[in-house]
PDB file of N, CA and C in Angstrom:
ATOM      1  N   UNK A   1      16.335  -2.401 -19.185  1.00  0.00           N
ATOM      2  CA  UNK A   1      18.046  -1.965 -19.098  1.00  0.00           C
ATOM      3  C   UNK A   1      18.280  -3.316 -19.042  1.00  0.00           C
ATOM      4  N   UNK A   2      19.237  -3.579 -19.988  1.00  0.00           N
ATOM      5  CA  UNK A   2      20.539  -4.530 -19.945  1.00  0.00           C
ATOM      6  C   UNK A   2      21.966  -4.160 -19.625  1.00  0.00           C
ATOM      7  N   UNK A   3      22.772  -5.054 -19.365  1.00  0.00           N
ATOM      8  CA  UNK A   3      23.748  -5.376 -18.672  1.00  0.00           C
ATOM      9  C   UNK A   3      24.952  -4.207 -18.776  1.00  0.00           C
ATOM     10  N   UNK A   4      24.739  -3.503 -20.013  1.00  0.00           N
ATOM     11  CA  UNK A   4      25.576  -2.648 -20.684  1.00  0.00           C
ATOM     12  C   UNK A   4      25.315  -1.172 -19.864  1.00  0.00           C
ATOM     13  N   UNK A   5      24.055  -1.183 -20.051  1.00  0.00           N
ATOM     14  CA  UNK A   5      23.444   0.378 -19.653  1.00  0.00           C
ATOM     15  C   UNK A   5      23.342  -0.027 -18.140  1.00  0.00           C
ATOM     16  N   UNK A   6      23.486  -0.598 -17.084  1.00  0.00           N
ATOM     17  CA  UNK A   6      23.118  -1.253 -16.138  1.00  0.00           C
ATOM     18  C   UNK A   6      24.457  -0.793 -15.001  1.00  0.00           C
ATOM     19  N   UNK A   7      25.988  -1.559 -15.780  1.00  0.00           N
ATOM     20  CA  UNK A   7      27.011  -0.947 -15.501  1.00  0.00           C
ATOM     21  C   UNK A   7      27.538   0.609 -15.627  1.00  0.00           C
ATOM     22  N   UNK A   8      27.144   1.361 -16.671  1.00  0.00           N
ATOM     23  CA  UNK A   8      27.032   2.585 -17.009  1.00  0.00           C
ATOM     24  C   UNK A   8      26.358   3.351 -16.171  1.00  0.00           C
ATOM     25  N   UNK A   9      25.117   2.844 -15.698  1.00  0.00           N
ATOM     26  CA  UNK A   9      24.590   3.822 -14.421  1.00  0.00           C
ATOM     27  C   UNK A   9      25.107   3.474 -13.091  1.00  0.00           C
ATOM     28  N   UNK A  10      25.771   2.183 -12.988  1.00  0.00           N
ATOM     29  CA  UNK A  10      26.894   2.294 -11.687  1.00  0.00           C
ATOM     30  C   UNK A  10      27.615   3.197 -11.765  1.00  0.00           C
ATOM     31  N   UNK A  11      28.502   3.247 -13.109  1.00  0.00           N
ATOM     32  CA  UNK A  11      29.732   3.902 -12.970  1.00  0.00           C
ATOM     33  C   UNK A  11      29.439   5.177 -13.078  1.00  0.00           C
ATOM     34  N   UNK A  12      28.660   5.604 -13.546  1.00  0.00           N
ATOM     35  CA  UNK A  12      28.148   7.334 -13.526  1.00  0.00           C
ATOM     36  C   UNK A  12      27.541   7.294 -11.951  1.00  0.00           C
ATOM     37  N   UNK A  13      27.152   6.725 -11.175  1.00  0.00           N
ATOM     38  CA  UNK A  13      26.564   7.065  -9.994  1.00  0.00           C
ATOM     39  C   UNK A  13      27.775   6.988  -9.036  1.00  0.00           C
ATOM     40  N   UNK A  14      28.875   6.201  -8.858  1.00  0.00           N
ATOM     41  CA  UNK A  14      30.122   6.236  -8.245  1.00  0.00           C
ATOM     42  C   UNK A  14      30.750   7.172  -8.880  1.00  0.00           C
ATOM     43  N   UNK A  15      31.025   7.747  -9.663  1.00  0.00           N
ATOM     44  CA  UNK A  15      31.831   8.606 -10.355  1.00  0.00           C
ATOM     45  C   UNK A  15      31.099   9.874  -9.467  1.00  0.00           C
ATOM     46  N   UNK A  16      29.966  10.282  -9.807  1.00  0.00           N
ATOM     47  CA  UNK A  16      29.090  11.305  -8.912  1.00  0.00           C
ATOM     48  C   UNK A  16      29.739  11.215  -7.078  1.00  0.00           C
ATOM     49  N   UNK A  17      29.258   9.893  -6.937  1.00  0.00           N
ATOM     50  CA  UNK A  17      29.281   9.930  -5.499  1.00  0.00           C
ATOM     51  C   UNK A  17      30.658  10.135  -5.055  1.00  0.00           C
ATOM     52  N   UNK A  18      31.960   9.348  -5.763  1.00  0.00           N
ATOM     53  CA  UNK A  18      33.320   9.654  -5.446  1.00  0.00           C
ATOM     54  C   UNK A  18      33.382  11.364  -5.397  1.00  0.00           C
ATOM     55  N   UNK A  19      33.216  12.319  -6.282  1.00  0.00           N
ATOM     56  CA  UNK A  19      33.666  13.410  -6.538  1.00  0.00           C
ATOM     57  C   UNK A  19      32.976  14.320  -5.666  1.00  0.00           C
ATOM     58  N   UNK A  20      31.696  14.234  -5.061  1.00  0.00           N
ATOM     59  CA  UNK A  20      30.769  14.921  -4.254  1.00  0.00           C
ATOM     60  C   UNK A  20      31.413  14.494  -3.006  1.00  0.00           C
ATOM     61  N   UNK A  21      31.863  13.251  -2.690  1.00  0.00           N
ATOM     62  CA  UNK A  21      32.478  12.697  -1.418  1.00  0.00           C
ATOM     63  C   UNK A  21      33.887  13.572  -1.195  1.00  0.00           C
ATOM     64  N   UNK A  22      34.648  13.609  -2.099  1.00  0.00           N
ATOM     65  CA  UNK A  22      35.844  14.563  -1.828  1.00  0.00           C
ATOM     66  C   UNK A  22      35.696  15.779  -1.866  1.00  0.00           C
ATOM     67  N   UNK A  23      34.725  16.422  -2.505  1.00  0.00           N
ATOM     68  CA  UNK A  23      34.378  17.750  -2.092  1.00  0.00           C
ATOM     69  C   UNK A  23      33.944  18.164  -1.154  1.00  0.00           C
ATOM     70  N   UNK A  24      33.406  17.209  -0.631  1.00  0.00           N
ATOM     71  CA  UNK A  24      33.010  17.230   1.217  1.00  0.00           C
ATOM     72  C   UNK A  24      33.710  17.130   2.280  1.00  0.00           C
ATOM     73  N   UNK A  25      34.560  16.449   1.866  1.00  0.00           N
ATOM     74  CA  UNK A  25      35.916  16.289   2.777  1.00  0.00           C
ATOM     75  C   UNK A  25      36.837  17.176   2.742  1.00  0.00           C
ATOM     76  N   UNK A  26      36.787  17.734   1.691  1.00  0.00           N
ATOM     77  CA  UNK A  26      37.934  18.975   1.399  1.00  0.00           C
ATOM     78  C   UNK A  26      37.305  20.108   2.292  1.00  0.00           C
ATOM     79  N   UNK A  27      35.807  20.368   2.101  1.00  0.00           N
ATOM     80  CA  UNK A  27      35.493  21.880   2.919  1.00  0.00           C
ATOM     81  C   UNK A  27      35.252  21.549   4.198  1.00  0.00           C
ATOM     82  N   UNK A  28      35.763  20.439   5.123  1.00  0.00           N
ATOM     83  CA  UNK A  28      35.493  20.381   6.307  1.00  0.00           C
ATOM     84  C   UNK A  28      37.055  19.697   6.621  1.00  0.00           C
ATOM     85  N   UNK A  29      37.094  20.616   8.002  1.00  0.00           N
ATOM     86  CA  UNK A  29      38.748  20.631   8.350  1.00  0.00           C
ATOM     87  C   UNK A  29      38.940  19.040   8.913  1.00  0.00           C
ATOM     88  N   UNK A  30      38.501  19.133  10.147  1.00  0.00           N
ATOM     89  CA  UNK A  30      38.684  17.759  10.696  1.00  0.00           C
ATOM     90  C   UNK A  30      37.674  16.649  10.181  1.00  0.00           C
ATOM     91  N   UNK A  31      37.919  15.464   9.966  1.00  0.00           N
ATOM     92  CA  UNK A  31      37.404  14.369   9.303  1.00  0.00           C
ATOM     93  C   UNK A  31      37.016  13.372  10.648  1.00  0.00           C
ATOM     94  N   UNK A  32      35.785  13.375  10.818  1.00  0.00           N
ATOM     95  CA  UNK A  32      35.429  12.397  12.002  1.00  0.00           C
ATOM     96  C   UNK A  32      34.814  11.467  11.592  1.00  0.00           C
ATOM     97  N   UNK A  33      34.895  10.215  12.267  1.00  0.00           N
ATOM     98  CA  UNK A  33      33.698   9.263  11.582  1.00  0.00           C
ATOM     99  C   UNK A  33      32.047   9.743  11.372  1.00  0.00           C
ATOM    100  N   UNK A  34      31.732  10.106  12.170  1.00  0.00           N
ATOM    101  CA  UNK A  34      30.319  10.456  11.656  1.00  0.00           C
ATOM    102  C   UNK A  34      30.168  11.526  10.859  1.00  0.00           C
ATOM    103  N   UNK A  35      31.278  12.526  10.706  1.00  0.00           N
ATOM    104  CA  UNK A  35      31.150  13.394   9.597  1.00  0.00           C
ATOM    105  C   UNK A  35      31.375  12.769   8.127  1.00  0.00           C
ATOM    106  N   UNK A  36      31.939  11.698   8.075  1.00  0.00           N
ATOM    107  CA  UNK A  36      32.477  10.815   7.078  1.00  0.00           C
ATOM    108  C   UNK A  36      31.327   9.928   6.611  1.00  0.00           C
ATOM    109  N   UNK A  37      30.448   9.523   7.753  1.00  0.00           N
ATOM    110  CA  UNK A  37      29.174   9.296   7.191  1.00  0.00           C
ATOM    111  C   UNK A  37      28.068  10.009   7.039  1.00  0.00           C
ATOM    112  N   UNK A  38      28.024  10.834   7.113  1.00  0.00           N
ATOM    113  CA  UNK A  38      27.389  12.230   6.975  1.00  0.00           C
ATOM    114  C   UNK A  38      27.233  12.460   5.310  1.00  0.00           C
ATOM    115  N   UNK A  39      28.403  12.842   5.422  1.00  0.00           N
ATOM    116  CA  UNK A  39      29.091  12.802   3.987  1.00  0.00           C
ATOM    117  C   UNK A  39      28.835  11.775   2.989  1.00  0.00           C
ATOM    118  N   UNK A  40      29.275  10.732   3.170  1.00  0.00           N
ATOM    119  CA  UNK A  40      28.810   9.880   2.350  1.00  0.00           C
ATOM    120  C   UNK A  40      27.460   9.691   1.963  1.00  0.00           C
ATOM    121  N   UNK A  41      26.253  10.115   3.108  1.00  0.00           N
ATOM    122  CA  UNK A  41      24.974  10.163   2.656  1.00  0.00           C
ATOM    123  C   UNK A  41      24.564  10.916   1.828  1.00  0.00           C
ATOM    124  N   UNK A  42      25.248  12.238   1.948  1.00  0.00           N
ATOM    125  CA  UNK A  42      24.595  13.368   1.487  1.00  0.00           C
ATOM    126  C   UNK A  42      25.371  13.339  -0.210  1.00  0.00           C
ATOM    127  N   UNK A  43      26.466  12.592  -0.154  1.00  0.00           N
ATOM    128  CA  UNK A  43      27.243  12.470  -1.636  1.00  0.00           C
ATOM    129  C   UNK A  43      26.330  11.808  -2.468  1.00  0.00           C
ATOM    130  N   UNK A  44      25.620  11.098  -1.420  1.00  0.00           N
ATOM    131  CA  UNK A  44      24.870   9.690  -2.565  1.00  0.00           C
ATOM    132  C   UNK A  44      23.456  10.295  -2.636  1.00  0.00           C
ATOM    133  N   UNK A  45      22.974  11.148  -2.029  1.00  0.00           N
ATOM    134  CA  UNK A  45      22.008  11.927  -2.192  1.00  0.00           C
ATOM    135  C   UNK A  45      22.013  12.719  -3.568  1.00  0.00           C
ATOM    136  N   UNK A  46      23.209  13.163  -3.656  1.00  0.00           N
ATOM    137  CA  UNK A  46      23.860  14.106  -4.633  1.00  0.00           C
ATOM    138  C   UNK A  46      23.993  13.573  -5.570  1.00  0.00           C
ATOM    139  N   UNK A  47      24.251  12.280  -5.774  1.00  0.00           N
ATOM    140  CA  UNK A  47      24.498  11.382  -6.791  1.00  0.00           C
ATOM    141  C   UNK A  47      23.294  11.111  -7.757  1.00  0.00           C
ATOM    142  N   UNK A  48      22.485  10.983  -6.687  1.00  0.00           N
ATOM    143  CA  UNK A  48      21.467  10.184  -7.406  1.00  0.00           C
ATOM    144  C   UNK A  48      20.381  11.482  -8.070  1.00  0.00           C
ATOM    145  N   UNK A  49      20.542  12.629  -7.689  1.00  0.00           N
ATOM    146  CA  UNK A  49      19.751  13.631  -8.351  1.00  0.00           C
ATOM    147  C   UNK A  49      20.868  14.372  -9.254  1.00  0.00           C
ATOM    148  N   UNK A  50      21.964  14.457  -9.501  1.00  0.00           N
ATOM    149  CA  UNK A  50      22.844  14.615 -10.473  1.00  0.00           C
ATOM    150  C   UNK A  50      22.690  13.721 -11.673  1.00  0.00           C
ATOM    151  N   UNK A  51      22.342  12.362 -11.397  1.00  0.00           N
ATOM    152  CA  UNK A  51      22.170  11.174 -12.538  1.00  0.00           C
ATOM    153  C   UNK A  51      20.766  11.442 -12.924  1.00  0.00           C
ATOM    154  N   UNK A  52      20.050  11.488 -12.043  1.00  0.00           N
ATOM    155  CA  UNK A  52      18.421  11.766 -12.475  1.00  0.00           C
ATOM    156  C   UNK A  52      18.235  13.136 -13.671  1.00  0.00           C
ATOM    157  N   UNK A  53      19.067  14.180 -13.127  1.00  0.00           N
ATOM    158  CA  UNK A  53      19.108  15.474 -13.925  1.00  0.00           C
ATOM    159  C   UNK A  53      19.706  15.206 -15.003  1.00  0.00           C
ATOM    160  N   UNK A  54      21.196  14.714 -15.077  1.00  0.00           N
ATOM    161  CA  UNK A  54      21.315  14.456 -16.444  1.00  0.00           C
ATOM    162  C   UNK A  54      20.403  13.605 -17.503  1.00  0.00           C
ATOM    163  N   UNK A  55      19.868  12.536 -16.867  1.00  0.00           N
ATOM    164  CA  UNK A  55      19.153  11.858 -17.707  1.00  0.00           C
ATOM    165  C   UNK A  55      17.632  12.614 -18.039  1.00  0.00           C
ATOM    166  N   UNK A  56      17.339  13.980 -17.403  1.00  0.00           N
ATOM    167  CA  UNK A  56      16.416  14.333 -17.779  1.00  0.00           C
ATOM    168  C   UNK A  56      16.520  15.312 -19.176  1.00  0.00           C
ATOM    169  N   UNK A  57      17.584  15.791 -18.597  1.00  0.00           N
ATOM    170  CA  UNK A  57      18.153  16.963 -19.403  1.00  0.00           C
ATOM    171  C   UNK A  57      18.787  16.259 -21.275  1.00  0.00           C
ATOM    172  N   UNK A  58      19.331  15.007 -20.940  1.00  0.00           N
ATOM    173  CA  UNK A  58      19.504  14.157 -22.257  1.00  0.00           C
ATOM    174  C   UNK A  58      18.717  13.603 -22.923  1.00  0.00           C
ATOM    175  N   UNK A  59      17.044  13.624 -22.360  1.00  0.00           N
ATOM    176  CA  UNK A  59      16.371  13.159 -23.262  1.00  0.00           C
ATOM    177  C   UNK A  59      15.537  14.517 -23.951  1.00  0.00           C
ATOM    178  N   UNK A  60      15.951  15.455 -23.961  1.00  0.00           N
ATOM    179  CA  UNK A  60      15.599  16.822 -24.746  1.00  0.00           C
ATOM    180  C   UNK A  60      16.288  16.631 -26.136  1.00  0.00           C
TER     181      UNK A  60
END
């Protein structure tokens, strides 16, 4: 993996993570610090799965 593809991978992960975190925050009404941390973690897992799924489909 060269520098360019690494930056693209990080950018894609951050885009997915940000979108999923915003969705999580919109769907819960009160935002407590613990729920923010759980949302950030869940969004991180979701971003990894979304990136892996997109790479799996793009290889076809």
